[in-house]
Protein backbone atom coordinates (compact mmCIF):
# COMPACT_ATOMS: atom_id res chain seq x y z
CA MET A 1 113.10 -3.81 16.25
CA THR A 2 112.80 -0.13 15.90
CA ASP A 3 109.23 -0.24 14.75
CA PHE A 4 108.15 -2.95 16.92
CA ARG A 5 109.16 -0.75 19.72
CA ARG A 6 107.43 2.35 18.26
CA SER A 7 104.25 0.11 17.27
CA ARG A 8 104.27 -0.98 21.62
CA ARG A 9 104.97 2.42 22.71
CA ARG A 10 101.83 3.71 20.55
CA ARG A 11 99.77 0.82 21.92
CA ALA A 12 101.07 1.86 25.57
CA LEU A 13 100.19 5.22 25.07
CA LEU A 14 96.70 4.56 23.65
CA LEU A 15 96.15 2.31 26.19
CA LEU A 16 97.21 5.11 28.94
CA ILE A 17 94.93 7.58 27.17
CA ALA A 18 91.83 5.18 27.12
CA LEU A 19 92.73 4.56 31.37
CA LEU A 20 92.75 8.15 31.94
CA SER A 21 89.97 9.03 30.22
CA VAL A 22 87.96 6.77 32.60
CA VAL A 23 89.93 7.22 35.61
CA LEU A 24 90.40 11.27 35.69
CA PRO A 25 86.64 11.79 36.14
CA LEU A 26 86.60 9.31 38.78
CA LEU A 27 89.05 11.15 40.71
CA GLY A 28 87.60 14.72 40.12
CA ALA A 29 89.95 15.61 37.77
CA ALA A 30 89.77 19.40 36.41
CA PRO A 31 87.25 19.22 33.17
CA GLY A 32 88.22 22.13 31.39
CA PRO A 33 86.76 25.53 30.61
CA ASP A 34 83.85 24.12 28.24
CA ARG A 35 82.92 21.14 30.45
CA PRO A 36 82.30 22.79 33.82
CA VAL A 37 81.45 20.35 37.26
CA VAL A 38 78.62 21.18 39.66
CA GLU A 39 78.19 19.40 42.76
CA THR A 40 74.72 18.88 43.43
CA ASP A 41 72.97 16.70 46.69
CA ARG A 42 72.91 13.70 44.35
CA GLY A 43 76.25 13.80 42.67
CA PRO A 44 78.67 16.18 40.51
CA VAL A 45 77.26 16.76 37.08
CA ARG A 46 79.14 17.65 34.31
CA GLY A 47 77.49 20.57 31.97
CA LEU A 48 78.55 22.47 28.86
CA GLY A 49 80.27 25.91 28.37
CA HIS A 50 78.58 28.35 25.70
CA GLY A 51 80.95 31.04 26.32
CA ALA A 52 78.63 33.60 28.24
CA TYR A 53 76.43 30.78 29.84
CA ASP A 54 76.86 27.33 31.28
CA THR A 55 73.89 24.51 30.56
CA PHE A 56 73.55 21.68 32.81
CA GLU A 57 70.73 19.47 31.26
CA GLY A 58 69.17 16.23 31.92
CA ILE A 59 69.82 16.38 35.67
CA PRO A 60 67.14 14.43 37.82
CA PHE A 61 65.36 15.73 40.61
CA ALA A 62 63.09 12.65 41.48
CA ALA A 63 63.13 9.07 40.95
CA PRO A 64 61.85 7.48 37.71
CA PRO A 65 58.10 7.24 38.49
CA THR A 66 57.67 3.69 36.68
CA GLY A 67 56.79 0.23 37.59
CA ARG A 68 55.44 0.32 41.22
CA LEU A 69 56.19 4.29 41.50
CA ARG A 70 53.71 5.37 38.66
CA TRP A 71 50.94 7.51 40.31
CA ARG A 72 53.06 7.90 43.45
CA LEU A 73 54.15 11.30 44.84
CA PRO A 74 57.59 11.79 43.41
CA GLU A 75 60.45 10.07 45.43
CA PRO A 76 63.94 11.49 45.74
CA ALA A 77 66.40 10.56 43.02
CA PRO A 78 69.05 8.08 43.75
CA ARG A 79 72.82 9.25 44.42
CA TRP A 80 75.08 8.39 41.47
CA GLU A 81 78.53 7.48 41.11
CA GLY A 82 81.13 9.88 39.64
CA VAL A 83 80.65 12.69 37.53
CA ARG A 84 77.09 12.35 35.78
CA ASP A 85 76.93 13.82 32.34
CA ALA A 86 74.62 16.85 32.11
CA GLY A 87 75.37 17.85 28.25
CA ALA A 88 72.00 16.66 26.91
CA PRO A 89 68.50 16.89 28.08
CA GLY A 90 66.84 13.71 30.01
CA SER A 91 63.78 11.91 27.95
CA ARG A 92 60.65 14.16 27.39
CA CYS A 93 57.47 12.66 29.39
CA VAL A 94 55.12 10.44 27.40
CA GLN A 95 53.12 12.62 25.31
CA LEU A 96 51.18 12.42 22.08
CA PRO A 97 51.68 15.41 19.73
CA ALA A 98 49.51 18.43 20.69
CA ILE A 99 48.18 19.03 17.32
CA GLY A 100 47.67 16.43 14.40
CA PRO A 101 48.83 12.58 13.94
CA GLY A 102 51.16 10.83 15.38
CA GLY A 103 52.13 8.20 17.97
CA PRO A 104 53.40 8.59 21.74
CA THR A 105 56.88 10.03 22.06
CA GLY A 106 59.10 10.05 25.27
CA SER A 107 59.10 7.92 28.22
CA GLU A 108 57.77 7.80 31.74
CA ASP A 109 61.26 7.93 33.07
CA CYS A 110 61.25 11.78 32.41
CA LEU A 111 61.61 14.24 35.85
CA TYR A 112 64.37 15.71 34.73
CA LEU A 113 65.37 19.51 34.77
CA ASN A 114 67.73 21.80 32.80
CA VAL A 115 69.99 24.40 34.60
CA THR A 116 70.89 27.51 32.26
CA ALA A 117 73.43 29.87 34.41
CA PRO A 118 75.89 32.82 33.23
CA ALA A 119 79.15 31.63 33.09
CA GLY A 120 81.11 31.49 36.43
CA ARG A 121 79.63 30.78 39.81
CA ALA A 122 80.03 33.80 41.53
CA ALA A 123 77.26 36.74 41.16
CA ALA A 124 78.14 40.74 40.91
CA GLY A 125 78.54 41.58 44.41
CA GLY A 126 79.01 38.27 46.12
CA ARG A 127 75.22 37.74 46.27
CA GLY A 128 73.42 34.85 45.05
CA ARG A 129 71.53 35.20 41.37
CA PRO A 130 67.93 35.09 41.31
CA VAL A 131 66.48 31.74 40.17
CA MET A 132 63.74 31.62 37.71
CA VAL A 133 61.51 28.44 37.40
CA TRP A 134 59.73 28.19 34.16
CA PHE A 135 56.79 25.39 33.60
CA HIS A 136 56.07 24.69 30.35
CA GLY A 137 52.86 24.96 28.67
CA GLY A 138 51.12 22.35 26.41
CA GLY A 139 47.81 21.93 28.04
CA PHE A 140 49.10 19.35 30.52
CA PHE A 141 49.04 16.70 27.94
CA SER A 142 52.37 17.51 25.99
CA GLY A 143 55.52 20.14 25.99
CA SER A 144 58.92 19.68 27.88
CA GLY A 145 61.46 21.72 29.87
CA ASP A 146 63.83 21.55 27.24
CA ALA A 147 62.25 23.06 24.16
CA TYR A 148 62.91 26.27 25.84
CA ARG A 149 66.15 28.40 25.78
CA PRO A 150 66.50 30.71 28.29
CA ASP A 151 70.36 31.70 27.31
CA ARG A 152 69.06 35.67 26.95
CA LEU A 153 67.37 35.88 30.20
CA ALA A 154 70.76 34.01 31.84
CA THR A 155 72.82 36.24 29.85
CA ARG A 156 71.26 39.72 29.66
CA GLY A 157 69.28 39.24 32.78
CA GLY A 158 72.08 37.91 34.93
CA VAL A 159 69.45 35.08 36.71
CA VAL A 160 70.08 31.38 36.48
CA VAL A 161 66.98 29.71 34.90
CA VAL A 162 65.63 26.03 35.84
CA THR A 163 63.04 24.46 32.83
CA VAL A 164 61.45 21.36 34.64
CA ASN A 165 59.85 18.30 33.25
CA TYR A 166 56.63 17.20 34.79
CA ARG A 167 53.99 14.10 34.03
CA LEU A 168 51.54 14.82 31.46
CA GLY A 169 48.16 13.54 31.02
CA VAL A 170 47.03 10.07 32.61
CA PHE A 171 50.16 9.79 34.26
CA GLY A 172 50.26 13.60 35.67
CA LEU A 173 46.68 14.22 36.88
CA PHE A 174 44.69 10.62 37.09
CA GLY A 175 42.46 9.84 40.08
CA HIS A 176 40.92 6.93 41.53
CA PRO A 177 39.33 6.06 44.93
CA GLU A 178 42.49 3.79 45.68
CA LEU A 179 44.50 6.43 45.48
CA GLY A 180 42.56 8.51 48.14
CA GLY A 181 41.45 11.07 45.34
CA ALA A 182 43.52 12.68 42.84
CA PRO A 183 46.92 13.74 44.27
CA GLY A 184 48.03 16.02 41.26
CA PHE A 185 51.05 14.27 40.29
CA ALA A 186 52.00 16.96 37.91
CA LEU A 187 51.96 19.82 40.50
CA ALA A 188 53.79 17.34 43.21
CA ASP A 189 56.64 16.93 40.27
CA GLN A 190 56.34 20.62 40.24
CA ARG A 191 56.78 21.06 44.10
CA ALA A 192 59.70 18.37 44.09
CA ALA A 193 61.67 20.58 41.18
CA LEU A 194 61.08 23.63 43.44
CA LEU A 195 62.51 21.62 46.49
CA TRP A 196 65.63 20.33 44.39
CA VAL A 197 66.24 24.55 43.24
CA ARG A 198 65.97 25.11 47.24
CA ALA A 199 68.56 22.38 47.83
CA ASN A 200 70.93 23.25 44.79
CA ALA A 201 70.38 26.61 43.69
CA ALA A 202 73.61 28.12 45.84
CA ARG A 203 75.96 25.56 44.26
CA PHE A 204 75.01 26.90 40.89
CA GLY A 205 75.65 30.35 41.84
CA ALA A 206 71.93 31.31 42.75
CA ASP A 207 69.87 32.52 45.55
CA PRO A 208 67.55 29.92 46.81
CA GLY A 209 65.74 32.56 48.88
CA ASN A 210 64.50 34.22 45.65
CA VAL A 211 62.82 32.22 43.44
CA THR A 212 60.42 33.20 40.75
CA VAL A 213 58.51 30.79 39.16
CA PHE A 214 56.80 31.32 35.74
CA GLY A 215 55.17 29.78 33.18
CA GLU A 216 52.75 30.06 30.19
CA SER A 217 49.58 28.47 29.20
CA ALA A 218 49.64 25.26 31.39
CA GLY A 219 52.68 26.46 32.68
CA ALA A 220 50.58 29.68 34.09
CA LEU A 221 47.70 27.46 35.16
CA SER A 222 50.53 25.50 37.34
CA VAL A 223 51.95 28.88 38.76
CA CYS A 224 48.36 29.87 39.54
CA ALA A 225 47.73 26.36 41.21
CA HIS A 226 51.07 26.96 43.28
CA LEU A 227 49.93 30.29 44.42
CA THR A 228 46.80 29.04 45.87
CA SER A 229 48.20 25.92 47.13
CA PRO A 230 48.95 25.50 50.69
CA ALA A 231 52.02 22.56 49.76
CA SER A 232 53.58 25.00 48.04
CA ALA A 233 54.02 27.53 50.63
CA GLY A 234 57.38 29.08 51.00
CA LEU A 235 58.79 27.48 48.10
CA PHE A 236 58.97 30.71 45.82
CA HIS A 237 59.01 34.37 46.13
CA ARG A 238 57.51 35.60 43.07
CA ALA A 239 55.01 34.58 40.17
CA ILE A 240 54.77 35.76 36.86
CA VAL A 241 51.21 33.71 34.86
CA GLN A 242 51.48 34.20 31.10
CA SER A 243 48.36 33.61 29.08
CA GLY A 244 46.52 31.18 31.70
CA SER A 245 45.04 32.77 35.22
CA CYS A 246 43.29 31.17 37.73
CA SER A 247 39.87 32.20 35.70
CA THR A 248 40.90 31.16 32.57
CA THR A 249 37.94 29.31 30.78
CA THR A 250 36.23 29.12 27.14
CA PRO A 251 32.65 29.38 26.48
CA PRO A 252 30.54 26.43 25.56
CA ARG A 253 30.58 24.75 22.08
CA SER A 254 32.86 28.08 20.74
CA LEU A 255 35.26 26.22 18.63
CA LEU A 256 33.38 22.97 17.92
CA PRO A 257 30.00 22.28 18.09
CA GLY A 258 30.62 18.98 20.50
CA LEU A 259 32.71 20.73 22.91
CA GLY A 260 31.42 22.07 26.30
CA THR A 261 33.11 24.41 28.32
CA TYR A 262 36.75 24.44 28.70
CA GLU A 263 37.33 24.95 32.58
CA PRO A 264 41.27 23.83 33.36
CA PHE A 265 40.37 23.29 37.12
CA VAL A 266 37.99 20.82 38.02
CA PRO A 267 36.23 19.22 41.37
CA GLU A 268 38.50 16.21 42.66
CA ARG A 269 35.49 14.02 42.59
CA ARG A 270 35.24 14.24 39.06
CA THR A 271 38.62 13.20 38.13
CA VAL A 272 38.22 10.41 40.59
CA ALA A 273 34.95 9.42 39.22
CA ASP A 274 36.63 9.27 36.00
CA GLY A 275 39.29 7.17 37.02
CA ALA A 276 37.08 4.47 37.99
CA LEU A 277 35.53 4.39 34.90
CA VAL A 278 38.40 4.15 32.94
CA ALA A 279 40.08 1.50 35.25
CA ALA A 280 36.92 -0.79 34.82
CA ARG A 281 37.19 -0.26 30.99
CA LEU A 282 40.62 -1.20 31.11
CA GLY A 283 39.52 -4.50 32.96
CA CYS A 284 41.01 -3.27 36.11
CA ASP A 285 38.38 -3.08 38.25
CA ARG A 286 38.77 -5.94 40.73
CA PRO A 287 38.44 -4.29 44.42
CA GLY A 288 41.96 -3.40 46.30
CA GLY A 289 43.90 -4.85 43.26
CA VAL A 290 43.05 -1.69 41.10
CA LEU A 291 46.35 0.14 41.22
CA ASP A 292 48.68 -2.96 40.49
CA CYS A 293 46.56 -4.03 37.48
CA LEU A 294 46.69 -0.41 36.33
CA ARG A 295 50.60 -0.22 36.96
CA GLY A 296 50.87 -3.46 35.03
CA LEU A 297 49.66 -2.27 32.00
CA ASP A 298 52.13 -0.88 29.58
CA THR A 299 52.81 2.52 28.66
CA ASP A 300 50.93 2.55 25.09
CA THR A 301 47.76 1.16 26.38
CA LEU A 302 47.34 4.47 28.50
CA VAL A 303 48.76 6.48 25.93
CA THR A 304 45.53 7.26 24.22
CA ALA A 305 44.36 10.80 22.94
CA GLU A 306 41.40 10.14 24.97
CA LEU A 307 42.78 8.93 28.15
CA MET A 308 46.04 11.89 27.78
CA GLN A 309 43.34 14.36 27.42
CA ARG A 310 40.46 13.54 29.76
CA PHE A 311 43.18 13.84 32.50
CA SER A 312 44.70 17.06 31.37
CA LEU A 313 42.37 18.82 34.17
CA VAL A 314 43.73 19.94 37.31
CA PRO A 315 41.76 18.51 40.62
CA TYR A 316 40.75 20.92 43.56
CA GLY A 317 38.80 20.29 46.49
CA ASN A 318 41.68 18.16 48.05
CA GLY A 319 44.63 19.13 50.47
CA VAL A 320 46.62 20.57 47.59
CA LEU A 321 43.95 22.98 46.08
CA PRO A 322 41.34 23.08 48.74
CA LEU A 323 39.20 25.62 46.61
CA GLU A 324 39.16 26.17 42.99
CA PRO A 325 41.82 28.91 42.09
CA ARG A 326 39.90 31.77 40.94
CA ARG A 327 37.65 31.37 44.00
CA ALA A 328 40.67 31.32 46.37
CA LEU A 329 42.14 34.63 44.92
CA GLU A 330 38.90 35.82 45.43
CA ALA A 331 38.82 35.26 49.17
CA GLY A 332 42.58 36.33 49.67
CA ARG A 333 43.52 32.63 49.97
CA PHE A 334 46.76 32.81 48.11
CA HIS A 335 50.58 33.23 49.14
CA ARG A 336 51.32 37.04 49.51
CA VAL A 337 54.24 37.20 46.66
CA PRO A 338 54.34 40.16 43.97
CA VAL A 339 52.82 38.98 40.66
CA VAL A 340 53.30 39.62 37.09
CA GLN A 341 50.62 38.65 34.83
CA GLY A 342 49.45 38.61 31.31
CA THR A 343 47.98 37.90 27.90
CA THR A 344 48.29 38.13 24.01
CA ARG A 345 46.29 40.53 22.30
CA ASP A 346 45.07 37.61 20.24
CA GLU A 347 44.99 34.54 22.20
CA MET A 348 42.18 32.64 20.60
CA ARG A 349 43.06 32.98 17.29
CA LEU A 350 45.60 29.87 17.19
CA PHE A 351 43.21 27.87 18.84
CA LEU A 352 40.18 28.97 16.59
CA ALA A 353 42.27 28.29 13.10
CA GLN A 354 42.68 24.65 14.21
CA THR A 355 38.98 23.98 14.18
CA LEU A 356 37.72 26.31 11.01
CA ALA A 357 38.14 23.98 8.42
CA ALA A 358 35.47 21.45 10.05
CA TYR A 359 33.62 24.40 11.35
CA PRO A 360 34.30 27.62 9.38
CA ILE A 361 32.56 31.27 9.80
CA PRO A 362 32.20 32.26 6.32
CA ASP A 363 29.74 35.32 7.05
CA GLY A 364 27.85 37.13 9.39
CA ALA A 365 25.16 34.88 9.56
CA ALA A 366 27.62 32.07 11.13
CA TYR A 367 29.12 34.55 13.43
CA ARG A 368 25.35 35.36 14.93
CA ALA A 369 24.73 31.52 14.72
CA ARG A 370 28.42 31.17 17.09
CA LEU A 371 27.13 33.76 19.16
CA GLU A 372 23.72 32.16 20.01
CA LEU A 373 25.18 28.66 20.49
CA SER A 374 27.83 29.95 23.12
CA PHE A 375 25.62 32.50 24.99
CA ASP A 376 21.88 33.16 25.73
CA ALA A 377 19.95 35.28 23.75
CA PRO A 378 20.05 38.37 25.60
CA THR A 379 24.13 38.12 26.00
CA ALA A 380 24.53 37.09 22.08
CA ARG A 381 22.36 40.26 21.76
CA ALA A 382 24.71 42.52 23.58
CA VAL A 383 28.14 41.19 22.66
CA GLU A 384 26.92 41.37 18.80
CA ALA A 385 26.61 44.90 19.69
CA ASP A 386 29.84 45.54 21.11
CA TYR A 387 31.51 43.35 18.45
CA PRO A 388 29.56 44.07 15.09
CA VAL A 389 30.81 41.88 12.32
CA SER A 390 31.35 44.94 10.28
CA ALA A 391 34.07 46.56 12.55
CA PHE A 392 36.19 43.27 11.84
CA ALA A 393 38.25 42.10 8.79
CA THR A 394 36.34 38.46 8.54
CA PRO A 395 33.83 37.09 10.78
CA ALA A 396 36.23 34.76 11.73
CA VAL A 397 38.85 37.39 13.40
CA ALA A 398 35.32 38.79 14.86
CA TRP A 399 34.70 35.59 16.79
CA ALA A 400 38.13 34.99 17.73
CA THR A 401 38.89 38.58 19.41
CA VAL A 402 34.86 37.93 21.11
CA LEU A 403 36.36 34.67 22.62
CA THR A 404 39.90 36.23 23.72
CA ASP A 405 38.19 38.83 25.78
CA VAL A 406 35.83 36.35 27.43
CA SER A 407 38.23 33.68 27.75
CA PHE A 408 41.80 35.38 28.53
CA VAL A 409 41.82 39.15 28.84
CA CYS A 410 39.23 39.98 31.15
CA PRO A 411 39.52 36.58 33.49
CA THR A 412 43.07 37.94 33.82
CA LEU A 413 42.40 41.69 34.73
CA ARG A 414 39.16 39.99 37.47
CA ASP A 415 42.55 37.99 38.69
CA GLY A 416 44.58 41.15 38.97
CA ALA A 417 41.87 42.71 40.94
CA ALA A 418 42.12 40.38 43.25
CA LEU A 419 45.47 39.80 44.17
CA GLY A 420 46.07 43.60 43.95
CA ARG A 421 44.06 43.89 47.00
CA HIS A 422 47.06 42.10 49.01
CA VAL A 423 50.16 42.17 46.67
CA PRO A 424 51.59 44.00 43.89
CA VAL A 425 50.48 43.38 40.61
CA TYR A 426 52.10 44.18 37.21
CA THR A 427 50.04 43.41 34.10
CA TYR A 428 50.69 43.21 30.62
CA ARG A 429 49.37 42.79 27.22
CA PHE A 430 51.61 41.10 24.17
CA SER A 431 50.60 42.94 21.31
CA ASP A 432 53.13 42.35 18.08
CA ARG A 433 51.09 41.15 15.83
CA GLY A 434 53.75 40.60 13.31
CA ALA A 435 55.39 38.41 15.81
CA PRO A 436 56.98 35.14 14.05
CA ASP A 437 55.01 32.43 14.06
CA PHE A 438 57.11 29.07 15.06
CA THR A 439 54.28 27.01 15.58
CA GLY A 440 54.48 25.24 11.95
CA LEU A 441 50.86 25.20 11.86
CA PRO A 442 49.18 26.65 8.77
CA GLN A 443 47.21 30.01 8.86
CA PRO A 444 43.59 30.20 7.29
CA PRO A 445 43.66 33.30 5.21
CA ASP A 446 40.60 34.71 7.11
CA LEU A 447 42.34 34.23 10.30
CA PRO A 448 45.90 35.56 10.41
CA TYR A 449 47.61 34.70 13.89
CA GLY A 450 48.57 38.12 15.22
CA ALA A 451 49.66 38.28 18.45
CA ALA A 452 48.63 34.74 19.03
CA HIS A 453 48.79 32.43 22.12
CA GLY A 454 52.28 31.78 22.99
CA PHE A 455 53.55 34.40 20.46
CA GLU A 456 55.50 36.13 23.49
CA LEU A 457 57.79 32.92 24.12
CA PRO A 458 60.56 34.13 21.30
CA TYR A 459 60.91 37.33 23.08
CA LEU A 460 61.84 35.28 26.13
CA PHE A 461 63.60 32.17 24.94
CA THR A 462 65.85 31.71 21.73
CA ILE A 463 62.48 30.24 19.78
CA ALA A 464 62.73 31.91 16.43
CA PRO A 465 64.26 34.99 14.44
CA LEU A 466 63.51 38.45 15.53
CA SER A 467 63.39 41.41 13.16
CA GLY A 468 65.70 44.60 14.62
CA PRO A 469 62.77 46.14 16.07
CA GLN A 470 61.66 42.67 17.97
CA ARG A 471 65.08 42.13 19.64
CA GLN A 472 64.87 45.51 20.87
CA LEU A 473 61.31 44.47 22.22
CA ALA A 474 62.83 41.31 23.58
CA ASP A 475 65.42 43.12 25.67
CA ARG A 476 62.82 45.05 27.16
CA MET A 477 61.10 42.06 28.08
CA THR A 478 63.82 40.25 29.12
CA GLY A 479 64.85 43.20 31.25
CA TYR A 480 61.66 43.69 32.91
CA TRP A 481 61.04 39.98 33.63
CA THR A 482 64.38 39.06 35.15
CA ALA A 483 64.40 42.75 37.01
CA PHE A 484 61.18 41.47 38.53
CA ALA A 485 62.69 38.35 39.32
CA ARG A 486 65.39 40.46 41.05
CA THR A 487 63.55 42.82 43.42
CA GLY A 488 60.06 42.28 42.68
CA VAL A 489 59.57 45.18 40.73
CA PRO A 490 59.68 45.17 36.68
CA ALA A 491 61.64 48.24 35.82
CA ALA A 492 64.43 47.88 33.40
CA PRO A 493 66.72 50.69 32.61
CA GLY A 494 65.73 52.78 29.89
CA ALA A 495 62.56 51.16 29.51
CA PRO A 496 59.22 52.87 29.98
CA ARG A 497 58.02 52.45 33.34
CA TRP A 498 55.50 49.64 34.20
CA PRO A 499 52.86 50.70 36.68
CA ARG A 500 51.13 48.45 39.27
CA ASP A 501 47.46 47.47 38.27
CA ARG A 502 45.69 49.81 40.30
CA THR A 503 43.76 51.39 37.59
CA PRO A 504 41.56 50.66 34.70
CA ALA A 505 44.20 52.24 32.51
CA SER A 506 47.27 50.17 34.37
CA VAL A 507 48.25 47.68 31.72
CA LEU A 508 51.55 47.76 29.89
CA SER A 509 50.72 47.08 25.91
CA LEU A 510 54.20 45.49 24.61
CA ALA A 511 54.98 45.98 21.15
CA PRO A 512 58.22 46.87 18.91
CA GLY A 513 58.68 50.47 17.61
CA ALA A 514 58.72 53.80 18.74
CA GLY A 515 56.13 53.79 21.48
CA GLY A 516 55.72 50.62 20.66
CA ILE A 517 55.89 49.89 24.91
CA ARG A 518 52.87 52.15 26.62
CA THR A 519 50.14 52.01 28.84
CA VAL A 520 46.65 51.26 28.07
CA ASP A 521 42.93 50.72 29.25
CA ALA A 522 42.44 47.11 28.85
CA ARG A 523 39.45 46.80 30.40
CA ALA A 524 37.40 49.28 27.92
CA GLU A 525 39.67 47.89 25.25
CA HIS A 526 38.76 44.43 25.66
CA HIS A 527 34.98 45.27 26.71
CA CYS A 528 35.37 43.85 30.34
CA ALA A 529 31.80 45.65 31.39
CA LEU A 530 30.40 43.72 29.15
CA TRP A 531 31.46 40.59 30.41
CA ASP A 532 31.15 41.22 34.01
CA ALA A 533 27.36 41.77 33.59
CA ARG A 534 26.74 38.58 31.30
CA TRP A 535 29.12 36.28 32.55
CA PRO A 536 29.68 37.38 35.96
CA GLY A 537 30.67 33.50 37.36
CA VAL A 538 33.53 33.97 35.06
CA THR A 539 34.88 37.81 35.04
CA SER A 540 33.93 39.25 37.98
CA ALA A 541 34.04 38.32 41.62
CA ARG A 542 30.35 38.52 41.93
């Protein structure tokens, strides 16, 4: 009888525990220090505590853009009942691998963001903390916000960081006459995230009146677009552009013989024409019913390498981007906010390395052939004079250096000059040629990556292990980035002064070790006078 009573009591206790586990969250019971709860405008979310910082992941900032909402501007996320678990990221947006084989991953239901905040909601002095909103890279056809862990920025810099997903490829940058053009859904998603930040930042201890947008590669191009978009007015107060200026481009046939000039911003009419052609090819060409037909197609039909990359270029010539962004900068038609901008020293080595097996550069003759294929004869001769193959370790390194300067460094400096006529601008060059390679991609023996595209990211986000001197550089960079977010001036305690971009010698070179942070004359080192004279439509304001 005693065992029977004990068994009944144990079953009753287990039932009570089970009921409490369901009922208490609904009643708003205290979650405990490791599962902080924040009330957002759509409902409460329960995050994870990590000691010095808290994370809240997988928060929907817009309704799922599926079914009838495919290729529509983002709509508000529905409210939810009870406390939503925010302990893991939401789905990544549909994509193919950025490089190499593989099928589609992710979901169209992907408009989620992640918040990383210093532990405790109160900021020092009672003021809200600065907010930094990160737009990821990936060429507008791959990537996700949750791939970046910003705990260093939150803990050492005392800022709240929001990382964002946005629609990619054919889902994010499609256009068609029945859409009235090419609305730029990817940029619209990012604006929706910024509106979410405005509505919810204070709930996470942050200041909605002090928002910095920052991004790398396609994320930097996104920042550039928002700088020049009337639709983004008032949504941010500072901007950081990392390796993707408004003027970024690559010469024709520079990576493969069949590739033309890469220009990330294209006229809307081109995107719309491409959309009409693709719709017809997919059997959706009945007037008035094209969009219904396209919205009825399954995801896998649309997620092809051809469609994801064809619609990875940002359209301009509409209400979102009236002008090509580089022209908008030249005309002074951009939002008046302070800007940090910069590149890595060896940007194009990463891209070139992926094509060398198919299109090698074994000797000086092959290097000269590359010059003559991408530039007219006088320009090719002038470039070879300034970049003689004998001055570099290999012909591949010589060609990568040419492409880095003409495609990234000099266009960035040109943008800095245009911006600097109206707002404070601070320009950097990430120069650590020993930066960790976190890509997993093989390095060709004749083209070490060095300070390649994206290799500054482990110094801001927890991505790859760093050596002692590299950790010190990471601390400096974190200090610069977060001080800029706080005050509009990248001045970190104990760090060398970062001058405003006013003179040819005002670019801050960032490398580890004693004297690794110093001012350099980047225009001279990267032959920008040559590119201004020989490729004026891209690297000069002429």
